[in-house]
Amino acid sequence: MRDTLASPEFWGQALTYQLEDIEAFEKSYGNPPPGPLKQGGKGYPLLQALFETSLCLYSAGAPVPEVVAPGLRGVGHLFPEMIARFGTDMPDGIAWMGTSVIHRYISMLVLCCASPSEFQAFFDSLDRFDLTEDGYGGYDRIWSAFRRQLGLGDVAPQSPVHWPEAYQELWLAIAPEEPDFARPHHLKRFLEGWYKEMTSELAAQTTRAEDLGPNSTYVGYWCLEAAAASVVFGIDDHSFRDHPHYPADWADWARGCRGIA
């Protein structure tokens, strides 16, 4: 196990529940009931279950290739498919899912070693949303930097950093004007504050039942964003590899898959 907050028995049961959820949500998505289609029939529960199954598998100690399969399927394939089928204009389209979720999705694709076409499909789908609505402010500096670093071209940021209390240190870790020696320091500070900020807003699948009982939705507290930044921007992670929220061997696998020493 990589996460020892829970027992092996917990992880075995949690994975059983995750697979049952995926099966049920696949039926709902593939064969929606007659009448007006609710958000559940548009793929959201299935996407969430696939994403969380990757985290659960990682927590339970599964081999990384097994870990990445559901996450890549969800973010790299299901998300673009949902947007293609239903669009982004409510009430009949896909609802906007929040800035922290987009950070998580980008990071999942990096750690799953998504192909250039999978990254392109994701960002093309993201671009279909009106990112100026509800004060989101379009692309921020972090999304733009990842997109550029992944070879998908420049998109000028329309705002500085979404949710700066959580993500400002992440931006400083990858900002072009920052000296290289400072990047690990900023990324470590981001990692150290990540969990507190996520739980303050009930974001990024970090909450769980306090007793880890049979109804717990705990899948592990993994800061995918820090690992993805380390991989894509070549930031040395030795000073924080042992942090309990840092998926170090997943980052190592992604570097190897991408051909990064």
Protein backbone atom coordinates (compact mmCIF):
# COMPACT_ATOMS: atom_id res chain seq x y z
CA MET A 1 0.00 0.00 0.00
CA ARG A 2 1.13 3.53 -0.73
CA ASP A 3 -1.48 5.01 1.59
CA THR A 4 -1.42 3.52 5.07
CA LEU A 5 -4.18 5.62 6.60
CA ALA A 6 -6.49 2.79 5.60
CA SER A 7 -6.07 -0.96 5.92
CA PRO A 8 -5.64 -3.49 3.10
CA GLU A 9 -9.20 -4.60 3.79
CA PHE A 10 -10.44 -1.05 3.30
CA TRP A 11 -8.69 -0.73 -0.05
CA GLY A 12 -10.03 -4.06 -1.23
CA GLN A 13 -13.58 -3.03 -0.42
CA ALA A 14 -13.07 0.50 -1.80
CA LEU A 15 -11.90 -0.87 -5.12
CA THR A 16 -14.89 -3.20 -5.27
CA TYR A 17 -17.21 -0.24 -4.75
CA GLN A 18 -15.39 1.81 -7.39
CA LEU A 19 -15.73 -0.94 -9.99
CA GLU A 20 -19.40 -1.39 -9.14
CA ASP A 21 -19.93 2.36 -9.58
CA ILE A 22 -18.19 2.34 -12.95
CA GLU A 23 -20.40 -0.51 -14.16
CA ALA A 24 -23.58 1.22 -13.00
CA PHE A 25 -22.62 4.63 -14.37
CA GLU A 26 -21.61 3.13 -17.72
CA LYS A 27 -25.13 1.73 -18.07
CA SER A 28 -26.66 5.10 -17.24
CA TYR A 29 -24.40 6.92 -19.69
CA GLY A 30 -24.76 4.40 -22.50
CA ASN A 31 -28.49 3.77 -22.06
CA PRO A 32 -30.07 6.87 -20.56
CA PRO A 33 -33.69 6.59 -19.41
CA PRO A 34 -36.40 8.23 -21.52
CA GLY A 35 -37.30 11.84 -20.86
CA PRO A 36 -35.14 14.91 -20.17
CA LEU A 37 -31.54 13.86 -19.70
CA LYS A 38 -30.12 14.73 -16.28
CA GLN A 39 -26.47 15.50 -15.66
CA GLY A 40 -25.91 11.96 -14.39
CA GLY A 41 -26.76 10.59 -17.81
CA LYS A 42 -24.25 12.88 -19.46
CA GLY A 43 -21.24 11.08 -18.04
CA TYR A 44 -20.26 13.09 -14.96
CA PRO A 45 -20.62 10.26 -12.42
CA LEU A 46 -18.74 7.90 -14.72
CA LEU A 47 -15.93 10.40 -15.24
CA GLN A 48 -15.65 10.99 -11.50
CA ALA A 49 -15.65 7.25 -10.78
CA LEU A 50 -12.89 6.61 -13.33
CA PHE A 51 -10.77 9.46 -11.95
CA GLU A 52 -11.20 8.33 -8.36
CA THR A 53 -10.51 4.72 -9.26
CA SER A 54 -7.04 5.73 -10.45
CA LEU A 55 -6.41 7.42 -7.11
CA CYS A 56 -7.78 4.44 -5.22
CA LEU A 57 -5.62 1.99 -7.18
CA TYR A 58 -2.55 4.12 -6.53
CA SER A 59 -3.33 4.29 -2.81
CA ALA A 60 -3.80 0.53 -2.69
CA GLY A 61 -0.37 -0.11 -4.24
CA ALA A 62 -1.35 -1.24 -7.74
CA PRO A 63 1.29 -1.11 -10.51
CA VAL A 64 1.31 2.31 -12.15
CA PRO A 65 0.21 1.07 -15.62
CA GLU A 66 -2.88 -0.33 -13.92
CA VAL A 67 -3.33 2.93 -12.03
CA VAL A 68 -3.35 5.13 -15.12
CA ALA A 69 -5.85 3.17 -17.21
CA PRO A 70 -9.13 4.46 -15.71
CA GLY A 71 -7.90 8.04 -15.30
CA LEU A 72 -6.73 8.24 -18.89
CA ARG A 73 -9.97 6.73 -20.10
CA GLY A 74 -11.99 9.27 -18.12
CA VAL A 75 -10.12 12.50 -18.79
CA GLY A 76 -8.48 11.65 -22.09
CA HIS A 77 -11.46 10.01 -23.79
CA LEU A 78 -14.75 10.33 -21.90
CA PHE A 79 -14.44 14.07 -21.22
CA PRO A 80 -14.01 15.03 -24.90
CA GLU A 81 -16.74 12.55 -25.85
CA MET A 82 -19.16 14.14 -23.37
CA ILE A 83 -18.49 17.61 -24.76
CA ALA A 84 -18.92 16.36 -28.34
CA ARG A 85 -22.25 14.71 -27.49
CA PHE A 86 -23.82 17.36 -25.28
CA GLY A 87 -21.95 20.62 -25.83
CA THR A 88 -21.35 23.20 -23.14
CA ASP A 89 -24.46 25.39 -23.25
CA MET A 90 -26.70 24.76 -20.28
CA PRO A 91 -29.33 23.56 -19.51
CA ASP A 92 -28.88 20.79 -22.09
CA GLY A 93 -25.09 20.86 -22.26
CA ILE A 94 -22.28 19.97 -19.87
CA ALA A 95 -21.95 22.19 -16.82
CA TRP A 96 -18.72 23.99 -16.05
CA MET A 97 -16.76 21.97 -13.47
CA GLY A 98 -14.58 24.53 -11.67
CA THR A 99 -10.99 25.64 -11.92
CA SER A 100 -9.52 23.21 -9.39
CA VAL A 101 -10.99 20.29 -11.34
CA ILE A 102 -9.34 21.50 -14.55
CA HIS A 103 -5.98 21.62 -12.74
CA ARG A 104 -6.60 18.04 -11.65
CA TYR A 105 -7.60 16.89 -15.14
CA ILE A 106 -4.50 18.39 -16.77
CA SER A 107 -2.33 16.79 -14.10
CA MET A 108 -3.99 13.41 -14.53
CA LEU A 109 -3.28 13.50 -18.26
CA VAL A 110 0.38 14.31 -17.61
CA LEU A 111 0.79 11.50 -15.08
CA CYS A 112 -1.04 9.07 -17.38
CA CYS A 113 1.41 9.91 -20.17
CA ALA A 114 -1.38 11.02 -22.48
CA SER A 115 -0.53 11.26 -26.17
CA PRO A 116 -0.37 14.59 -28.02
CA SER A 117 -3.73 13.82 -29.63
CA GLU A 118 -5.29 13.11 -26.23
CA PHE A 119 -3.97 16.39 -24.84
CA GLN A 120 -5.23 18.20 -27.93
CA ALA A 121 -8.69 16.67 -27.61
CA PHE A 122 -8.86 17.71 -23.97
CA PHE A 123 -7.86 21.32 -24.59
CA ASP A 124 -10.12 21.55 -27.65
CA SER A 125 -13.00 20.47 -25.41
CA LEU A 126 -11.99 22.94 -22.72
CA ASP A 127 -11.94 25.72 -25.32
CA ARG A 128 -15.60 25.09 -26.11
CA PHE A 129 -16.62 26.48 -22.70
CA ASP A 130 -17.21 30.20 -22.30
CA LEU A 131 -14.47 30.60 -19.71
CA THR A 132 -15.35 34.25 -19.13
CA GLU A 133 -18.67 33.37 -17.51
CA ASP A 134 -19.15 33.43 -13.73
CA GLY A 135 -15.90 35.27 -13.17
CA TYR A 136 -13.58 32.44 -14.23
CA GLY A 137 -11.56 34.83 -16.39
CA GLY A 138 -10.55 32.40 -19.12
CA TYR A 139 -7.17 30.72 -19.19
CA ASP A 140 -4.95 31.57 -16.26
CA ARG A 141 -1.16 31.54 -16.31
CA ILE A 142 -0.90 27.94 -15.16
CA TRP A 143 -3.19 26.48 -17.82
CA SER A 144 -1.44 28.54 -20.48
CA ALA A 145 2.01 27.45 -19.30
CA PHE A 146 1.10 23.76 -19.32
CA ARG A 147 -0.48 24.05 -22.74
CA ARG A 148 2.60 25.76 -24.15
CA GLN A 149 5.02 23.34 -22.47
CA LEU A 150 3.06 20.39 -23.86
CA GLY A 151 3.60 21.71 -27.38
CA LEU A 152 0.00 22.77 -28.03
CA GLY A 153 0.72 26.41 -28.80
CA ASP A 154 0.29 29.66 -26.93
CA VAL A 155 -2.97 30.84 -25.44
CA ALA A 156 -2.57 34.21 -23.77
CA PRO A 157 -3.79 34.07 -20.17
CA GLN A 158 -6.79 36.25 -19.49
CA SER A 159 -6.25 36.23 -15.72
CA PRO A 160 -3.27 35.77 -13.36
CA VAL A 161 -3.93 32.62 -11.26
CA HIS A 162 -7.27 31.01 -10.53
CA TRP A 163 -7.63 30.45 -6.77
CA PRO A 164 -4.32 32.10 -5.81
CA GLU A 165 -4.56 30.98 -2.19
CA ALA A 166 -4.13 27.42 -3.42
CA TYR A 167 -2.17 27.79 -6.66
CA GLN A 168 0.07 30.87 -6.49
CA GLU A 169 3.08 28.83 -5.34
CA LEU A 170 2.48 26.38 -8.19
CA TRP A 171 2.62 29.27 -10.64
CA LEU A 172 5.85 30.57 -9.10
CA ALA A 173 7.34 27.09 -9.50
CA ILE A 174 6.77 27.14 -13.27
CA ALA A 175 6.92 30.88 -14.04
CA PRO A 176 9.47 31.58 -16.82
CA GLU A 177 11.04 34.48 -14.94
CA GLU A 178 11.77 32.43 -11.82
CA PRO A 179 15.36 31.14 -11.42
CA ASP A 180 15.69 27.38 -11.63
CA PHE A 181 17.10 27.06 -8.12
CA ALA A 182 13.89 28.54 -6.68
CA ARG A 183 11.47 26.19 -8.44
CA PRO A 184 11.73 23.23 -6.01
CA HIS A 185 11.23 25.64 -3.10
CA HIS A 186 7.99 27.00 -4.56
CA LEU A 187 6.70 23.57 -5.52
CA LYS A 188 7.37 22.29 -2.01
CA ARG A 189 5.48 25.24 -0.52
CA PHE A 190 2.58 24.54 -2.87
CA LEU A 191 2.55 20.88 -1.85
CA GLU A 192 2.66 21.73 1.85
CA GLY A 193 -0.39 24.01 1.59
CA TRP A 194 -2.35 22.01 -0.97
CA TYR A 195 -4.39 19.75 1.29
CA LYS A 196 -5.44 22.54 3.64
CA GLU A 197 -6.69 24.65 0.74
CA MET A 198 -8.47 21.77 -0.95
CA THR A 199 -10.34 20.76 2.19
CA SER A 200 -11.24 24.38 2.91
CA GLU A 201 -13.39 24.35 -0.23
CA LEU A 202 -14.27 20.62 -0.32
CA ALA A 203 -12.36 20.41 -3.60
CA ALA A 204 -10.37 17.82 -5.54
CA GLN A 205 -11.78 14.64 -3.99
CA THR A 206 -9.87 15.08 -0.74
CA THR A 207 -12.69 14.57 1.76
CA ARG A 208 -13.60 11.31 3.44
CA ALA A 209 -15.67 9.87 6.27
CA GLU A 210 -13.76 10.42 9.50
CA ASP A 211 -13.87 6.78 10.57
CA LEU A 212 -12.95 5.26 7.18
CA GLY A 213 -16.01 3.10 7.60
CA PRO A 214 -17.89 1.17 4.92
CA ASN A 215 -19.50 4.34 3.55
CA SER A 216 -16.25 6.26 3.27
CA THR A 217 -15.41 7.81 -0.10
CA TYR A 218 -11.73 8.16 0.74
CA VAL A 219 -9.45 7.45 -2.24
CA GLY A 220 -6.20 9.00 -0.98
CA TYR A 221 -4.78 12.49 -0.68
CA TRP A 222 -2.57 12.80 -3.77
CA CYS A 223 -1.35 16.15 -5.06
CA LEU A 224 -1.30 15.32 -8.75
CA GLU A 225 -0.64 18.96 -9.59
CA ALA A 226 2.77 19.01 -7.89
CA ALA A 227 3.82 15.77 -9.59
CA ALA A 228 2.65 16.95 -13.01
CA ALA A 229 4.56 20.24 -12.67
CA SER A 230 7.70 18.38 -11.66
CA VAL A 231 7.42 16.11 -14.70
CA VAL A 232 6.48 18.65 -17.37
CA PHE A 233 8.74 21.48 -16.24
CA GLY A 234 11.70 19.36 -15.11
CA ILE A 235 11.61 20.45 -11.46
CA ASP A 236 13.79 18.47 -9.07
CA ASP A 237 11.50 16.77 -6.55
CA HIS A 238 14.12 15.33 -4.19
CA SER A 239 13.35 17.81 -1.40
CA PHE A 240 9.70 16.74 -1.16
CA ARG A 241 9.56 13.18 -2.50
CA ASP A 242 8.72 11.84 0.96
CA HIS A 243 5.77 14.17 1.51
CA PRO A 244 2.68 12.07 2.31
CA HIS A 245 0.63 13.73 -0.46
CA TYR A 246 3.25 13.45 -3.21
CA PRO A 247 2.91 10.49 -5.62
CA ALA A 248 6.65 10.10 -6.19
CA ASP A 249 6.77 6.78 -8.03
CA TRP A 250 3.88 7.83 -10.27
CA ALA A 251 5.87 10.93 -11.22
CA ASP A 252 8.92 8.73 -11.90
CA TRP A 253 6.85 6.46 -14.14
CA ALA A 254 5.50 9.45 -16.08
CA ARG A 255 9.02 10.80 -16.63
CA GLY A 256 10.14 7.45 -17.96
CA CYS A 257 7.09 7.13 -20.18
CA ARG A 258 7.73 10.59 -21.61
CA GLY A 259 11.42 9.84 -22.10
CA ILE A 260 12.57 12.32 -19.45
CA ALA A 261 15.69 11.40 -17.50
